[in-house]
């Protein structure tokens, strides 16, 4: 199991749990800003997981142009199932945000006004 998958799936439920909007808003002072931070982190997690999955599945790829019967590979199926069982990137990002594990900063555009 990769370091990323272990880190992301540790202590995170794979089902959606309700979160208090007041708690989410309390981190930044603005609910929409908090949601934007969570969304950006979820996108980062999703990209990293896709790259990792494609790299692992690339080992099993056959690059032939023949129309022969495709053989099932049990290892490939197990890898795919493991990634399907992982929590959604939005759930992971929300958990990271609530645990103060995400670094974010505001862009002070008022300085140049």
PDB file of N, CA and C in Angstrom:
ATOM      1  N   UNK A   1       0.847  -1.174   0.000  1.00  0.00           N
ATOM      2  CA  UNK A   1       0.000   0.000   0.000  1.00  0.00           C
ATOM      3  C   UNK A   1       0.892   1.235   0.000  1.00  0.00           C
ATOM      4  N   UNK A   2       0.567   2.175  -0.810  1.00  0.00           N
ATOM      5  CA  UNK A   2       1.409   3.353  -0.940  1.00  0.00           C
ATOM      6  C   UNK A   2       1.260   4.275   0.262  1.00  0.00           C
ATOM      7  N   UNK A   3       2.225   5.151   0.410  1.00  0.00           N
ATOM      8  CA  UNK A   3       2.208   6.105   1.522  1.00  0.00           C
ATOM      9  C   UNK A   3       0.986   7.017   1.433  1.00  0.00           C
ATOM     10  N   UNK A   4       0.641   7.448   0.227  1.00  0.00           N
ATOM     11  CA  UNK A   4      -0.504   8.333   0.032  1.00  0.00           C
ATOM     12  C   UNK A   4      -1.798   7.658   0.455  1.00  0.00           C
ATOM     13  N   UNK A   5      -2.011   6.420   0.028  1.00  0.00           N
ATOM     14  CA  UNK A   5      -3.237   5.716   0.368  1.00  0.00           C
ATOM     15  C   UNK A   5      -3.329   5.459   1.866  1.00  0.00           C
ATOM     16  N   UNK A   6      -2.215   5.103   2.509  1.00  0.00           N
ATOM     17  CA  UNK A   6      -2.228   4.879   3.955  1.00  0.00           C
ATOM     18  C   UNK A   6      -2.555   6.165   4.696  1.00  0.00           C
ATOM     19  N   UNK A   7      -1.940   7.256   4.258  1.00  0.00           N
ATOM     20  CA  UNK A   7      -2.150   8.549   4.904  1.00  0.00           C
ATOM     21  C   UNK A   7      -3.590   9.010   4.739  1.00  0.00           C
ATOM     22  N   UNK A   8      -4.150   8.839   3.576  1.00  0.00           N
ATOM     23  CA  UNK A   8      -5.485   9.351   3.296  1.00  0.00           C
ATOM     24  C   UNK A   8      -6.592   8.520   3.922  1.00  0.00           C
ATOM     25  N   UNK A   9      -6.397   7.217   3.993  1.00  0.00           N
ATOM     26  CA  UNK A   9      -7.482   6.380   4.486  1.00  0.00           C
ATOM     27  C   UNK A   9      -7.398   6.114   5.982  1.00  0.00           C
ATOM     28  N   UNK A  10      -6.371   6.599   6.654  1.00  0.00           N
ATOM     29  CA  UNK A  10      -6.237   6.384   8.089  1.00  0.00           C
ATOM     30  C   UNK A  10      -7.255   7.232   8.845  1.00  0.00           C
ATOM     31  N   UNK A  11      -8.045   6.583   9.669  1.00  0.00           N
ATOM     32  CA  UNK A  11      -9.006   7.257  10.545  1.00  0.00           C
ATOM     33  C   UNK A  11     -10.044   8.089   9.797  1.00  0.00           C
ATOM     34  N   UNK A  12     -10.351   7.771   8.563  1.00  0.00           N
ATOM     35  CA  UNK A  12     -11.368   8.500   7.815  1.00  0.00           C
ATOM     36  C   UNK A  12     -12.444   7.522   7.382  1.00  0.00           C
ATOM     37  N   UNK A  13     -13.661   7.836   7.726  1.00  0.00           N
ATOM     38  CA  UNK A  13     -14.777   6.983   7.328  1.00  0.00           C
ATOM     39  C   UNK A  13     -15.029   7.140   5.838  1.00  0.00           C
ATOM     40  N   UNK A  14     -15.455   6.064   5.195  1.00  0.00           N
ATOM     41  CA  UNK A  14     -15.699   6.139   3.754  1.00  0.00           C
ATOM     42  C   UNK A  14     -17.140   6.529   3.443  1.00  0.00           C
ATOM     43  N   UNK A  15     -17.909   6.858   4.463  1.00  0.00           N
ATOM     44  CA  UNK A  15     -19.282   7.312   4.263  1.00  0.00           C
ATOM     45  C   UNK A  15     -19.376   8.788   4.630  1.00  0.00           C
ATOM     46  N   UNK A  16     -20.350   9.440   4.061  1.00  0.00           N
ATOM     47  CA  UNK A  16     -20.536  10.868   4.303  1.00  0.00           C
ATOM     48  C   UNK A  16     -21.140  11.072   5.690  1.00  0.00           C
ATOM     49  N   UNK A  17     -20.536  11.962   6.442  1.00  0.00           N
ATOM     50  CA  UNK A  17     -21.066  12.329   7.746  1.00  0.00           C
ATOM     51  C   UNK A  17     -21.405  13.817   7.714  1.00  0.00           C
ATOM     52  N   UNK A  18     -22.465  14.188   8.396  1.00  0.00           N
ATOM     53  CA  UNK A  18     -22.832  15.598   8.409  1.00  0.00           C
ATOM     54  C   UNK A  18     -21.829  16.394   9.224  1.00  0.00           C
ATOM     55  N   UNK A  19     -21.551  17.570   8.765  1.00  0.00           N
ATOM     56  CA  UNK A  19     -20.624  18.478   9.448  1.00  0.00           C
ATOM     57  C   UNK A  19     -21.378  19.753   9.792  1.00  0.00           C
ATOM     58  N   UNK A  20     -20.999  20.371  10.857  1.00  0.00           N
ATOM     59  CA  UNK A  20     -21.615  21.622  11.274  1.00  0.00           C
ATOM     60  C   UNK A  20     -21.100  22.758  10.391  1.00  0.00           C
ATOM     61  N   UNK A  21     -22.008  23.478   9.778  1.00  0.00           N
ATOM     62  CA  UNK A  21     -21.608  24.605   8.941  1.00  0.00           C
ATOM     63  C   UNK A  21     -20.941  25.694   9.764  1.00  0.00           C
ATOM     64  N   UNK A  22     -21.328  25.802  11.007  1.00  0.00           N
ATOM     65  CA  UNK A  22     -20.714  26.788  11.895  1.00  0.00           C
ATOM     66  C   UNK A  22     -19.242  26.440  12.119  1.00  0.00           C
ATOM     67  N   UNK A  23     -18.948  25.146  12.289  1.00  0.00           N
ATOM     68  CA  UNK A  23     -17.556  24.724  12.468  1.00  0.00           C
ATOM     69  C   UNK A  23     -16.735  24.965  11.207  1.00  0.00           C
ATOM     70  N   UNK A  24     -17.318  24.676  10.062  1.00  0.00           N
ATOM     71  CA  UNK A  24     -16.608  24.890   8.798  1.00  0.00           C
ATOM     72  C   UNK A  24     -16.369  26.379   8.583  1.00  0.00           C
ATOM     73  N   UNK A  25     -17.378  27.177   8.858  1.00  0.00           N
ATOM     74  CA  UNK A  25     -17.255  28.632   8.698  1.00  0.00           C
ATOM     75  C   UNK A  25     -16.256  29.201   9.701  1.00  0.00           C
ATOM     76  N   UNK A  26     -16.190  28.618  10.882  1.00  0.00           N
ATOM     77  CA  UNK A  26     -15.328  29.123  11.937  1.00  0.00           C
ATOM     78  C   UNK A  26     -13.843  29.060  11.622  1.00  0.00           C
ATOM     79  N   UNK A  27     -13.449  28.195  10.725  1.00  0.00           N
ATOM     80  CA  UNK A  27     -12.020  28.059  10.381  1.00  0.00           C
ATOM     81  C   UNK A  27     -11.497  29.285   9.634  1.00  0.00           C
ATOM     82  N   UNK A  28     -12.312  29.840   8.742  1.00  0.00           N
ATOM     83  CA  UNK A  28     -11.855  30.974   7.931  1.00  0.00           C
ATOM     84  C   UNK A  28     -12.676  32.234   8.159  1.00  0.00           C
ATOM     85  N   UNK A  29     -13.853  32.097   8.752  1.00  0.00           N
ATOM     86  CA  UNK A  29     -14.735  33.238   8.926  1.00  0.00           C
ATOM     87  C   UNK A  29     -15.715  33.393   7.786  1.00  0.00           C
ATOM     88  N   UNK A  30     -15.586  32.572   6.754  1.00  0.00           N
ATOM     89  CA  UNK A  30     -16.461  32.652   5.589  1.00  0.00           C
ATOM     90  C   UNK A  30     -16.728  31.229   5.105  1.00  0.00           C
ATOM     91  N   UNK A  31     -17.983  30.838   5.062  1.00  0.00           N
ATOM     92  CA  UNK A  31     -18.349  29.480   4.665  1.00  0.00           C
ATOM     93  C   UNK A  31     -17.889  29.165   3.249  1.00  0.00           C
ATOM     94  N   UNK A  32     -18.096  30.092   2.320  1.00  0.00           N
ATOM     95  CA  UNK A  32     -17.754  29.849   0.923  1.00  0.00           C
ATOM     96  C   UNK A  32     -16.246  29.751   0.721  1.00  0.00           C
ATOM     97  N   UNK A  33     -15.508  30.517   1.485  1.00  0.00           N
ATOM     98  CA  UNK A  33     -14.047  30.427   1.416  1.00  0.00           C
ATOM     99  C   UNK A  33     -13.580  29.067   1.918  1.00  0.00           C
ATOM    100  N   UNK A  34     -14.182  28.591   2.993  1.00  0.00           N
ATOM    101  CA  UNK A  34     -13.840  27.274   3.532  1.00  0.00           C
ATOM    102  C   UNK A  34     -14.152  26.177   2.522  1.00  0.00           C
ATOM    103  N   UNK A  35     -15.313  26.275   1.881  1.00  0.00           N
ATOM    104  CA  UNK A  35     -15.697  25.268   0.886  1.00  0.00           C
ATOM    105  C   UNK A  35     -14.760  25.313  -0.316  1.00  0.00           C
ATOM    106  N   UNK A  36     -14.326  26.504  -0.710  1.00  0.00           N
ATOM    107  CA  UNK A  36     -13.387  26.624  -1.828  1.00  0.00           C
ATOM    108  C   UNK A  36     -12.052  25.963  -1.475  1.00  0.00           C
ATOM    109  N   UNK A  37     -11.595  26.131  -0.254  1.00  0.00           N
ATOM    110  CA  UNK A  37     -10.340  25.502   0.189  1.00  0.00           C
ATOM    111  C   UNK A  37     -10.483  23.991   0.167  1.00  0.00           C
ATOM    112  N   UNK A  38     -11.615  23.487   0.681  1.00  0.00           N
ATOM    113  CA  UNK A  38     -11.855  22.042   0.684  1.00  0.00           C
ATOM    114  C   UNK A  38     -11.919  21.506  -0.743  1.00  0.00           C
ATOM    115  N   UNK A  39     -12.570  22.235  -1.637  1.00  0.00           N
ATOM    116  CA  UNK A  39     -12.696  21.791  -3.033  1.00  0.00           C
ATOM    117  C   UNK A  39     -11.344  21.731  -3.730  1.00  0.00           C
ATOM    118  N   UNK A  40     -10.497  22.719  -3.491  1.00  0.00           N
ATOM    119  CA  UNK A  40      -9.171  22.715  -4.115  1.00  0.00           C
ATOM    120  C   UNK A  40      -8.332  21.552  -3.602  1.00  0.00           C
ATOM    121  N   UNK A  41      -8.425  21.268  -2.302  1.00  0.00           N
ATOM    122  CA  UNK A  41      -7.671  20.150  -1.740  1.00  0.00           C
ATOM    123  C   UNK A  41      -8.212  18.824  -2.262  1.00  0.00           C
ATOM    124  N   UNK A  42      -9.537  18.710  -2.390  1.00  0.00           N
ATOM    125  CA  UNK A  42     -10.131  17.486  -2.932  1.00  0.00           C
ATOM    126  C   UNK A  42      -9.659  17.244  -4.362  1.00  0.00           C
ATOM    127  N   UNK A  43      -9.520  18.301  -5.138  1.00  0.00           N
ATOM    128  CA  UNK A  43      -9.015  18.172  -6.504  1.00  0.00           C
ATOM    129  C   UNK A  43      -7.571  17.683  -6.500  1.00  0.00           C
ATOM    130  N   UNK A  44      -6.744  18.204  -5.602  1.00  0.00           N
ATOM    131  CA  UNK A  44      -5.355  17.759  -5.488  1.00  0.00           C
ATOM    132  C   UNK A  44      -5.282  16.277  -5.126  1.00  0.00           C
ATOM    133  N   UNK A  45      -6.103  15.862  -4.169  1.00  0.00           N
ATOM    134  CA  UNK A  45      -6.117  14.457  -3.754  1.00  0.00           C
ATOM    135  C   UNK A  45      -6.560  13.579  -4.913  1.00  0.00           C
ATOM    136  N   UNK A  46      -7.589  13.999  -5.625  1.00  0.00           N
ATOM    137  CA  UNK A  46      -8.107  13.224  -6.747  1.00  0.00           C
ATOM    138  C   UNK A  46      -7.057  13.044  -7.837  1.00  0.00           C
ATOM    139  N   UNK A  47      -6.347  14.097  -8.157  1.00  0.00           N
ATOM    140  CA  UNK A  47      -5.303  14.018  -9.189  1.00  0.00           C
ATOM    141  C   UNK A  47      -4.200  13.053  -8.755  1.00  0.00           C
ATOM    142  N   UNK A  48      -3.780  13.154  -7.491  1.00  0.00           N
ATOM    143  CA  UNK A  48      -2.721  12.273  -6.994  1.00  0.00           C
ATOM    144  C   UNK A  48      -3.160  10.808  -7.006  1.00  0.00           C
ATOM    145  N   UNK A  49      -4.394  10.544  -6.607  1.00  0.00           N
ATOM    146  CA  UNK A  49      -4.887   9.170  -6.606  1.00  0.00           C
ATOM    147  C   UNK A  49      -5.004   8.610  -8.021  1.00  0.00           C
ATOM    148  N   UNK A  50      -5.469   9.435  -8.958  1.00  0.00           N
ATOM    149  CA  UNK A  50      -5.575   8.975 -10.344  1.00  0.00           C
ATOM    150  C   UNK A  50      -4.207   8.634 -10.925  1.00  0.00           C
ATOM    151  N   UNK A  51      -3.223   9.492 -10.673  1.00  0.00           N
ATOM    152  CA  UNK A  51      -1.876   9.226 -11.165  1.00  0.00           C
ATOM    153  C   UNK A  51      -1.330   7.934 -10.577  1.00  0.00           C
ATOM    154  N   UNK A  52      -1.522   7.746  -9.280  1.00  0.00           N
ATOM    155  CA  UNK A  52      -1.034   6.540  -8.620  1.00  0.00           C
ATOM    156  C   UNK A  52      -1.714   5.294  -9.175  1.00  0.00           C
ATOM    157  N   UNK A  53      -3.031   5.355  -9.351  1.00  0.00           N
ATOM    158  CA  UNK A  53      -3.773   4.217  -9.878  1.00  0.00           C
ATOM    159  C   UNK A  53      -3.337   3.895 -11.301  1.00  0.00           C
ATOM    160  N   UNK A  54      -3.203   4.911 -12.137  1.00  0.00           N
ATOM    161  CA  UNK A  54      -2.796   4.667 -13.523  1.00  0.00           C
ATOM    162  C   UNK A  54      -1.382   4.101 -13.600  1.00  0.00           C
ATOM    163  N   UNK A  55      -0.499   4.557 -12.725  1.00  0.00           N
ATOM    164  CA  UNK A  55       0.857   4.005 -12.704  1.00  0.00           C
ATOM    165  C   UNK A  55       0.853   2.532 -12.317  1.00  0.00           C
ATOM    166  N   UNK A  56       0.019   2.166 -11.347  1.00  0.00           N
ATOM    167  CA  UNK A  56      -0.056   0.764 -10.934  1.00  0.00           C
ATOM    168  C   UNK A  56      -0.695  -0.098 -12.015  1.00  0.00           C
ATOM    169  N   UNK A  57      -1.725   0.420 -12.666  1.00  0.00           N
ATOM    170  CA  UNK A  57      -2.403  -0.363 -13.696  1.00  0.00           C
ATOM    171  C   UNK A  57      -1.599  -0.434 -14.985  1.00  0.00           C
ATOM    172  N   UNK A  58      -0.692   0.512 -15.171  1.00  0.00           N
ATOM    173  CA  UNK A  58       0.157   0.505 -16.375  1.00  0.00           C
ATOM    174  C   UNK A  58       1.050  -0.735 -16.415  1.00  0.00           C
ATOM    175  N   UNK A  59       1.381  -1.270 -15.258  1.00  0.00           N
ATOM    176  CA  UNK A  59       2.199  -2.477 -15.199  1.00  0.00           C
ATOM    177  C   UNK A  59       1.504  -3.658 -15.867  1.00  0.00           C
ATOM    178  N   UNK A  60       0.177  -3.652 -15.849  1.00  0.00           N
ATOM    179  CA  UNK A  60      -0.587  -4.772 -16.389  1.00  0.00           C
ATOM    180  C   UNK A  60      -1.027  -4.545 -17.826  1.00  0.00           C
ATOM    181  N   UNK A  61      -0.797  -3.361 -18.348  1.00  0.00           N
ATOM    182  CA  UNK A  61      -1.282  -3.024 -19.686  1.00  0.00           C
ATOM    183  C   UNK A  61      -0.511  -3.786 -20.758  1.00  0.00           C
ATOM    184  N   UNK A  62      -1.236  -4.248 -21.745  1.00  0.00           N
ATOM    185  CA  UNK A  62      -0.617  -4.865 -22.913  1.00  0.00           C
ATOM    186  C   UNK A  62      -0.898  -3.951 -24.097  1.00  0.00           C
ATOM    187  N   UNK A  63       0.120  -3.641 -24.812  1.00  0.00           N
ATOM    188  CA  UNK A  63      -0.006  -2.690 -25.916  1.00  0.00           C
ATOM    189  C   UNK A  63       0.019  -3.434 -27.256  1.00  0.00           C
ATOM    190  N   UNK A  64      -1.008  -4.212 -27.462  1.00  0.00           N
ATOM    191  CA  UNK A  64      -1.142  -4.915 -28.733  1.00  0.00           C
ATOM    192  C   UNK A  64      -2.406  -4.443 -29.420  1.00  0.00           C
ATOM    193  N   UNK A  65      -2.363  -4.435 -30.727  1.00  0.00           N
ATOM    194  CA  UNK A  65      -3.516  -3.975 -31.505  1.00  0.00           C
ATOM    195  C   UNK A  65      -4.386  -5.123 -31.990  1.00  0.00           C
ATOM    196  N   UNK A  66      -4.131  -6.304 -31.495  1.00  0.00           N
ATOM    197  CA  UNK A  66      -4.924  -7.448 -31.939  1.00  0.00           C
ATOM    198  C   UNK A  66      -6.258  -7.476 -31.208  1.00  0.00           C
ATOM    199  N   UNK A  67      -7.211  -8.117 -31.802  1.00  0.00           N
ATOM    200  CA  UNK A  67      -8.549  -8.207 -31.225  1.00  0.00           C
ATOM    201  C   UNK A  67      -8.733  -9.534 -30.493  1.00  0.00           C
ATOM    202  N   UNK A  68      -7.673  -9.993 -29.861  1.00  0.00           N
ATOM    203  CA  UNK A  68      -7.752 -11.244 -29.128  1.00  0.00           C
ATOM    204  C   UNK A  68      -8.578 -11.048 -27.856  1.00  0.00           C
ATOM    205  N   UNK A  69      -8.950 -12.155 -27.272  1.00  0.00           N
ATOM    206  CA  UNK A  69      -9.734 -12.106 -26.047  1.00  0.00           C
ATOM    207  C   UNK A  69      -8.905 -11.477 -24.922  1.00  0.00           C
ATOM    208  N   UNK A  70      -9.543 -10.620 -24.169  1.00  0.00           N
ATOM    209  CA  UNK A  70      -8.860  -9.952 -23.071  1.00  0.00           C
ATOM    210  C   UNK A  70      -8.892 -10.875 -21.853  1.00  0.00           C
ATOM    211  N   UNK A  71      -7.726 -11.071 -21.257  1.00  0.00           N
ATOM    212  CA  UNK A  71      -7.624 -11.948 -20.089  1.00  0.00           C
ATOM    213  C   UNK A  71      -7.801 -11.134 -18.818  1.00  0.00           C
ATOM    214  N   UNK A  72      -8.503 -11.704 -17.871  1.00  0.00           N
ATOM    215  CA  UNK A  72      -8.667 -11.047 -16.588  1.00  0.00           C
ATOM    216  C   UNK A  72      -7.396 -11.220 -15.773  1.00  0.00           C
ATOM    217  N   UNK A  73      -7.024 -10.183 -15.104  1.00  0.00           N
ATOM    218  CA  UNK A  73      -5.870 -10.232 -14.228  1.00  0.00           C
ATOM    219  C   UNK A  73      -6.367  -9.962 -12.814  1.00  0.00           C
ATOM    220  N   UNK A  74      -6.248 -10.941 -11.940  1.00  0.00           N
ATOM    221  CA  UNK A  74      -6.797 -10.818 -10.591  1.00  0.00           C
ATOM    222  C   UNK A  74      -6.122  -9.706  -9.804  1.00  0.00           C
ATOM    223  N   UNK A  75      -4.831  -9.530  -9.983  1.00  0.00           N
ATOM    224  CA  UNK A  75      -4.127  -8.461  -9.269  1.00  0.00           C
ATOM    225  C   UNK A  75      -4.647  -7.092  -9.694  1.00  0.00           C
ATOM    226  N   UNK A  76      -4.877  -6.923 -10.974  1.00  0.00           N
ATOM    227  CA  UNK A  76      -5.398  -5.663 -11.500  1.00  0.00           C
ATOM    228  C   UNK A  76      -6.792  -5.383 -10.935  1.00  0.00           C
ATOM    229  N   UNK A  77      -7.608  -6.395 -10.841  1.00  0.00           N
ATOM    230  CA  UNK A  77      -8.951  -6.237 -10.296  1.00  0.00           C
ATOM    231  C   UNK A  77      -8.889  -5.875  -8.821  1.00  0.00           C
ATOM    232  N   UNK A  78      -7.996  -6.505  -8.072  1.00  0.00           N
ATOM    233  CA  UNK A  78      -7.856  -6.213  -6.641  1.00  0.00           C
ATOM    234  C   UNK A  78      -7.383  -4.778  -6.409  1.00  0.00           C
ATOM    235  N   UNK A  79      -6.463  -4.309  -7.234  1.00  0.00           N
ATOM    236  CA  UNK A  79      -5.984  -2.930  -7.111  1.00  0.00           C
ATOM    237  C   UNK A  79      -7.135  -1.958  -7.374  1.00  0.00           C
ATOM    238  N   UNK A  80      -7.905  -2.218  -8.407  1.00  0.00           N
ATOM    239  CA  UNK A  80      -9.039  -1.345  -8.735  1.00  0.00           C
ATOM    240  C   UNK A  80     -10.075  -1.341  -7.615  1.00  0.00           C
ATOM    241  N   UNK A  81     -10.355  -2.507  -7.054  1.00  0.00           N
ATOM    242  CA  UNK A  81     -11.324  -2.582  -5.966  1.00  0.00           C
ATOM    243  C   UNK A  81     -10.830  -1.844  -4.722  1.00  0.00           C
ATOM    244  N   UNK A  82      -9.535  -1.915  -4.458  1.00  0.00           N
ATOM    245  CA  UNK A  82      -8.978  -1.215  -3.296  1.00  0.00           C
ATOM    246  C   UNK A  82      -9.160   0.288  -3.435  1.00  0.00           C
ATOM    247  N   UNK A  83      -8.958   0.807  -4.632  1.00  0.00           N
ATOM    248  CA  UNK A  83      -9.145   2.241  -4.855  1.00  0.00           C
ATOM    249  C   UNK A  83     -10.619   2.625  -4.805  1.00  0.00           C
ATOM    250  N   UNK A  84     -11.506   1.728  -5.221  1.00  0.00           N
ATOM    251  CA  UNK A  84     -12.933   2.012  -5.155  1.00  0.00           C
ATOM    252  C   UNK A  84     -13.427   2.069  -3.717  1.00  0.00           C
ATOM    253  N   UNK A  85     -12.809   1.288  -2.821  1.00  0.00           N
ATOM    254  CA  UNK A  85     -13.215   1.269  -1.415  1.00  0.00           C
ATOM    255  C   UNK A  85     -12.697   2.472  -0.638  1.00  0.00           C
ATOM    256  N   UNK A  86     -11.740   3.183  -1.198  1.00  0.00           N
ATOM    257  CA  UNK A  86     -11.179   4.337  -0.502  1.00  0.00           C
ATOM    258  C   UNK A  86     -12.229   5.443  -0.375  1.00  0.00           C
ATOM    259  N   UNK A  87     -12.104   6.260   0.663  1.00  0.00           N
ATOM    260  CA  UNK A  87     -13.048   7.379   0.812  1.00  0.00           C
ATOM    261  C   UNK A  87     -12.927   8.358  -0.352  1.00  0.00           C
ATOM    262  N   UNK A  88     -14.025   9.022  -0.619  1.00  0.00           N
ATOM    263  CA  UNK A  88     -14.091  10.035  -1.665  1.00  0.00           C
ATOM    264  C   UNK A  88     -13.098  11.168  -1.356  1.00  0.00           C
ATOM    265  N   UNK A  89     -12.427  11.742  -2.350  1.00  0.00           N
ATOM    266  CA  UNK A  89     -11.495  12.844  -2.094  1.00  0.00           C
ATOM    267  C   UNK A  89     -12.129  14.029  -1.372  1.00  0.00           C
ATOM    268  N   UNK A  90     -13.409  14.292  -1.598  1.00  0.00           N
ATOM    269  CA  UNK A  90     -14.077  15.388  -0.891  1.00  0.00           C
ATOM    270  C   UNK A  90     -14.206  15.080   0.599  1.00  0.00           C
ATOM    271  N   UNK A  91     -14.466  13.829   0.932  1.00  0.00           N
ATOM    272  CA  UNK A  91     -14.538  13.428   2.335  1.00  0.00           C
ATOM    273  C   UNK A  91     -13.171  13.566   2.986  1.00  0.00           C
ATOM    274  N   UNK A  92     -12.133  13.123   2.281  1.00  0.00           N
ATOM    275  CA  UNK A  92     -10.769  13.230   2.806  1.00  0.00           C
ATOM    276  C   UNK A  92     -10.366  14.687   3.004  1.00  0.00           C
ATOM    277  N   UNK A  93     -10.691  15.522   2.032  1.00  0.00           N
ATOM    278  CA  UNK A  93     -10.324  16.935   2.122  1.00  0.00           C
ATOM    279  C   UNK A  93     -11.070  17.621   3.261  1.00  0.00           C
ATOM    280  N   UNK A  94     -12.334  17.288   3.445  1.00  0.00           N
ATOM    281  CA  UNK A  94     -13.104  17.874   4.541  1.00  0.00           C
ATOM    282  C   UNK A  94     -12.524  17.464   5.886  1.00  0.00           C
ATOM    283  N   UNK A  95     -12.137  16.202   6.004  1.00  0.00           N
ATOM    284  CA  UNK A  95     -11.543  15.728   7.253  1.00  0.00           C
ATOM    285  C   UNK A  95     -10.217  16.428   7.528  1.00  0.00           C
ATOM    286  N   UNK A  96      -9.396  16.590   6.495  1.00  0.00           N
ATOM    287  CA  UNK A  96      -8.133  17.308   6.652  1.00  0.00           C
ATOM    288  C   UNK A  96      -8.382  18.755   7.084  1.00  0.00           C
ATOM    289  N   UNK A  97      -9.377  19.386   6.500  1.00  0.00           N
ATOM    290  CA  UNK A  97      -9.694  20.771   6.833  1.00  0.00           C
ATOM    291  C   UNK A  97     -10.149  20.888   8.283  1.00  0.00           C
ATOM    292  N   UNK A  98     -10.994  19.973   8.707  1.00  0.00           N
ATOM    293  CA  UNK A  98     -11.497  20.017  10.080  1.00  0.00           C
ATOM    294  C   UNK A  98     -10.397  19.699  11.095  1.00  0.00           C
ATOM    295  N   UNK A  99      -9.393  18.938  10.696  1.00  0.00           N
ATOM    296  CA  UNK A  99      -8.269  18.597  11.579  1.00  0.00           C
ATOM    297  C   UNK A  99      -7.120  19.598  11.480  1.00  0.00           C
ATOM    298  N   UNK A 100      -7.327  20.708  10.768  1.00  0.00           N
ATOM    299  CA  UNK A 100      -6.292  21.746  10.561  1.00  0.00           C
ATOM    300  C   UNK A 100      -5.019  21.189   9.920  1.00  0.00           C
ATOM    301  N   UNK A 101      -5.164  20.304   8.961  1.00  0.00           N
ATOM    302  CA  UNK A 101      -4.021  19.721   8.261  1.00  0.00           C
ATOM    303  C   UNK A 101      -3.789  20.355   6.897  1.00  0.00           C
ATOM    304  N   UNK A 102      -4.591  21.353   6.545  1.00  0.00           N
ATOM    305  CA  UNK A 102      -4.453  22.023   5.252  1.00  0.00           C
ATOM    306  C   UNK A 102      -3.870  23.402   5.482  1.00  0.00           C
ATOM    307  N   UNK A 103      -2.806  23.699   4.732  1.00  0.00           N
ATOM    308  CA  UNK A 103      -2.220  25.035   4.783  1.00  0.00           C
ATOM    309  C   UNK A 103      -2.865  25.863   3.689  1.00  0.00           C
ATOM    310  N   UNK A 104      -3.364  27.022   4.041  1.00  0.00           N
ATOM    311  CA  UNK A 104      -3.941  27.934   3.067  1.00  0.00           C
ATOM    312  C   UNK A 104      -3.609  29.352   3.488  1.00  0.00           C
ATOM    313  N   UNK A 105      -3.633  30.243   2.534  1.00  0.00           N
ATOM    314  CA  UNK A 105      -3.377  31.651   2.834  1.00  0.00           C
ATOM    315  C   UNK A 105      -4.221  32.500   1.904  1.00  0.00           C
ATOM    316  N   UNK A 106      -4.522  33.711   2.370  1.00  0.00           N
ATOM    317  CA  UNK A 106      -5.306  34.626   1.562  1.00  0.00           C
ATOM    318  C   UNK A 106      -4.375  35.451   0.686  1.00  0.00           C
ATOM    319  N   UNK A 107      -4.805  35.698  -0.512  1.00  0.00           N
ATOM    320  CA  UNK A 107      -4.054  36.547  -1.420  1.00  0.00           C
ATOM    321  C   UNK A 107      -4.469  37.984  -1.132  1.00  0.00           C
ATOM    322  N   UNK A 108      -3.563  38.774  -0.595  1.00  0.00           N
ATOM    323  CA  UNK A 108      -3.876  40.162  -0.236  1.00  0.00           C
ATOM    324  C   UNK A 108      -3.755  41.064  -1.458  1.00  0.00           C
ATOM    325  N   UNK A 109      -4.844  41.134  -2.222  1.00  0.00           N
ATOM    326  CA  UNK A 109      -4.849  41.984  -3.414  1.00  0.00           C
ATOM    327  C   UNK A 109      -5.076  43.444  -3.043  1.00  0.00           C
ATOM    328  N   UNK A 110      -5.489  43.718  -1.796  1.00  0.00           N
ATOM    329  CA  UNK A 110      -5.714  45.104  -1.363  1.00  0.00           C
ATOM    330  C   UNK A 110      -4.414  45.869  -1.197  1.00  0.00           C
ATOM    331  N   UNK A 111      -3.295  45.170  -1.122  1.00  0.00           N
ATOM    332  CA  UNK A 111      -2.013  45.849  -0.932  1.00  0.00           C
ATOM    333  C   UNK A 111      -1.636  46.717  -2.123  1.00  0.00           C
ATOM    334  N   UNK A 112      -2.136  46.366  -3.312  1.00  0.00           N
ATOM    335  CA  UNK A 112      -1.750  47.076  -4.531  1.00  0.00           C
ATOM    336  C   UNK A 112      -2.807  48.079  -4.970  1.00  0.00           C
ATOM    337  N   UNK A 113      -3.824  48.288  -4.166  1.00  0.00           N
ATOM    338  CA  UNK A 113      -4.904  49.220  -4.546  1.00  0.00           C
ATOM    339  C   UNK A 113      -4.506  50.640  -4.317  1.00  0.00           C
TER     340      UNK A 113
END
